[in-house]
Amino acid sequence: MKKYRKYIIAVLTVLLIAIGLTGCGKSTAQDLQSHQWTFDSSKGDGLAATAKFTKSNLTLTEAGFSEVYTYELTNSGRNEQIKFIGKNSVSGKQETRLFKIKKQSDKYKLTPINKLAKSDTGTVSLIPK
């Protein structure tokens, strides 16, 4: 039995590593950071901004103008949420927009949760460029 002990431990170790690696898919943050996106709002203004995510920032560029927001991804039960924090360009006050984020094939659907996100942005699709 002692002879096989090392082999059993080695096999169990390999199995644990294999099981651990099967659960290692790309996280939402990694996926967002790996592409440029079209930020398409349901408000129907005819313009769609280009969205670029870094580790902690989102840069939206539209018609030559850019806005930078910090963002946070959180899990609330079974729902993943994304929060965008930026400054109002007129008042300079901090504003927070909160969305439920859900992957749909190769794009993401952002459904507004808080009042500002509902009134200002509406439902958003992030479509890879």
Protein backbone atom coordinates (compact mmCIF):
# COMPACT_ATOMS: atom_id res chain seq x y z
CA MET A 1 0.00 0.00 0.00
CA LYS A 2 2.86 2.40 0.80
CA LYS A 3 4.22 1.78 -2.70
CA TYR A 4 1.07 3.11 -4.31
CA ARG A 5 0.60 6.00 -1.93
CA LYS A 6 2.74 8.40 -4.00
CA TYR A 7 0.92 7.42 -7.20
CA ILE A 8 -2.48 7.88 -5.59
CA ILE A 9 -1.49 11.33 -4.31
CA ALA A 10 -0.14 12.28 -7.75
CA VAL A 11 -3.31 11.12 -9.50
CA LEU A 12 -5.52 12.98 -7.03
CA THR A 13 -3.45 16.13 -7.47
CA VAL A 14 -3.76 15.98 -11.25
CA LEU A 15 -7.53 15.41 -10.95
CA LEU A 16 -7.92 18.40 -8.63
CA ILE A 17 -5.95 20.63 -10.99
CA ALA A 18 -7.99 19.46 -13.99
CA ILE A 19 -11.26 20.08 -12.16
CA GLY A 20 -10.07 23.53 -11.06
CA LEU A 21 -9.06 24.52 -14.59
CA THR A 22 -12.41 23.55 -16.11
CA GLY A 23 -14.06 26.29 -14.04
CA CYS A 24 -11.59 28.94 -15.20
CA GLY A 25 -13.43 30.77 -17.97
CA LYS A 26 -13.01 34.43 -18.80
CA SER A 27 -14.59 36.68 -16.23
CA THR A 28 -16.91 39.48 -17.33
CA ALA A 29 -14.21 42.05 -16.51
CA GLN A 30 -11.61 40.20 -18.61
CA ASP A 31 -14.05 39.88 -21.49
CA LEU A 32 -14.98 43.58 -21.36
CA GLN A 33 -11.30 44.58 -21.30
CA SER A 34 -10.38 42.34 -24.23
CA HIS A 35 -12.55 44.15 -26.82
CA GLN A 36 -13.65 47.56 -27.98
CA TRP A 37 -17.42 47.80 -27.83
CA THR A 38 -20.22 49.74 -29.43
CA PHE A 39 -22.25 51.25 -26.57
CA ASP A 40 -25.72 51.22 -28.14
CA SER A 41 -28.43 52.92 -26.03
CA SER A 42 -32.17 52.36 -26.32
CA LYS A 43 -32.69 56.12 -26.20
CA GLY A 44 -32.54 56.13 -29.98
CA ASP A 45 -30.42 59.24 -30.48
CA GLY A 46 -28.89 57.68 -33.60
CA LEU A 47 -25.35 57.78 -32.23
CA ALA A 48 -23.50 54.88 -30.70
CA ALA A 49 -20.40 55.52 -28.61
CA THR A 50 -17.27 53.41 -28.69
CA ALA A 51 -16.56 51.86 -25.27
CA LYS A 52 -13.10 50.80 -24.11
CA PHE A 53 -12.67 49.14 -20.70
CA THR A 54 -9.45 49.03 -18.70
CA LYS A 55 -8.99 47.44 -15.29
CA SER A 56 -10.99 50.16 -13.52
CA ASN A 57 -12.13 52.69 -16.15
CA LEU A 58 -14.55 52.92 -19.04
CA THR A 59 -13.86 55.46 -21.77
CA LEU A 60 -16.82 56.36 -23.99
CA THR A 61 -15.93 58.15 -27.22
CA GLU A 62 -18.61 59.67 -29.43
CA ALA A 63 -18.28 62.26 -32.20
CA GLY A 64 -14.73 63.11 -31.11
CA PHE A 65 -15.58 63.66 -27.42
CA SER A 66 -14.58 61.29 -24.62
CA GLU A 67 -15.95 60.70 -21.15
CA VAL A 68 -14.21 58.55 -18.55
CA TYR A 69 -16.05 56.64 -15.84
CA THR A 70 -14.81 54.30 -13.16
CA TYR A 71 -16.71 51.05 -13.02
CA GLU A 72 -17.25 48.18 -10.60
CA LEU A 73 -18.63 44.71 -11.26
CA THR A 74 -20.45 42.96 -8.40
CA ASN A 75 -22.56 39.86 -7.92
CA SER A 76 -25.96 40.25 -6.30
CA GLY A 77 -27.34 36.77 -5.86
CA ARG A 78 -27.48 35.25 -9.33
CA ASN A 79 -27.34 38.65 -11.03
CA GLU A 80 -24.16 40.42 -12.00
CA GLN A 81 -24.25 44.21 -11.76
CA ILE A 82 -22.06 46.95 -13.18
CA LYS A 83 -21.83 50.40 -11.65
CA PHE A 84 -20.52 53.41 -13.61
CA ILE A 85 -19.31 56.39 -11.58
CA GLY A 86 -18.58 59.70 -13.27
CA LYS A 87 -18.89 63.45 -12.85
CA ASN A 88 -21.71 65.51 -14.28
CA SER A 89 -20.15 67.73 -16.95
CA VAL A 90 -22.25 70.72 -15.89
CA SER A 91 -22.43 70.56 -12.09
CA GLY A 92 -19.26 68.55 -11.43
CA LYS A 93 -21.17 66.33 -8.98
CA GLN A 94 -20.50 62.61 -8.86
CA GLU A 95 -23.15 60.49 -10.57
CA THR A 96 -23.71 56.74 -10.33
CA ARG A 97 -25.50 54.60 -12.89
CA LEU A 98 -26.28 51.01 -11.88
CA PHE A 99 -27.14 48.26 -14.37
CA LYS A 100 -27.78 44.54 -14.38
CA ILE A 101 -25.32 43.03 -16.90
CA LYS A 102 -26.03 39.81 -18.75
CA LYS A 103 -24.09 38.13 -21.54
CA GLN A 104 -26.12 37.25 -24.62
CA SER A 105 -24.02 35.27 -27.11
CA ASP A 106 -21.15 37.65 -27.99
CA LYS A 107 -22.68 40.88 -26.61
CA TYR A 108 -23.85 42.18 -23.23
CA LYS A 109 -27.22 43.60 -22.30
CA LEU A 110 -27.23 46.26 -19.59
CA THR A 111 -30.60 46.80 -17.91
CA PRO A 112 -30.87 49.98 -15.80
CA ILE A 113 -31.52 49.60 -12.08
CA ASN A 114 -31.31 53.04 -10.49
CA LYS A 115 -33.29 56.16 -11.42
CA LEU A 116 -30.43 57.98 -13.17
CA ALA A 117 -29.59 54.99 -15.36
CA LYS A 118 -33.26 54.56 -16.31
CA SER A 119 -33.85 58.21 -17.19
CA ASP A 120 -30.48 59.06 -18.73
CA THR A 121 -29.33 55.92 -20.49
CA GLY A 122 -32.05 53.27 -20.68
CA THR A 123 -31.23 49.73 -21.75
CA VAL A 124 -27.80 49.40 -23.35
CA SER A 125 -26.23 46.76 -25.58
CA LEU A 126 -22.46 46.34 -25.65
CA ILE A 127 -21.64 44.93 -29.07
CA PRO A 128 -18.04 43.91 -29.89
CA LYS A 129 -16.39 45.92 -32.68
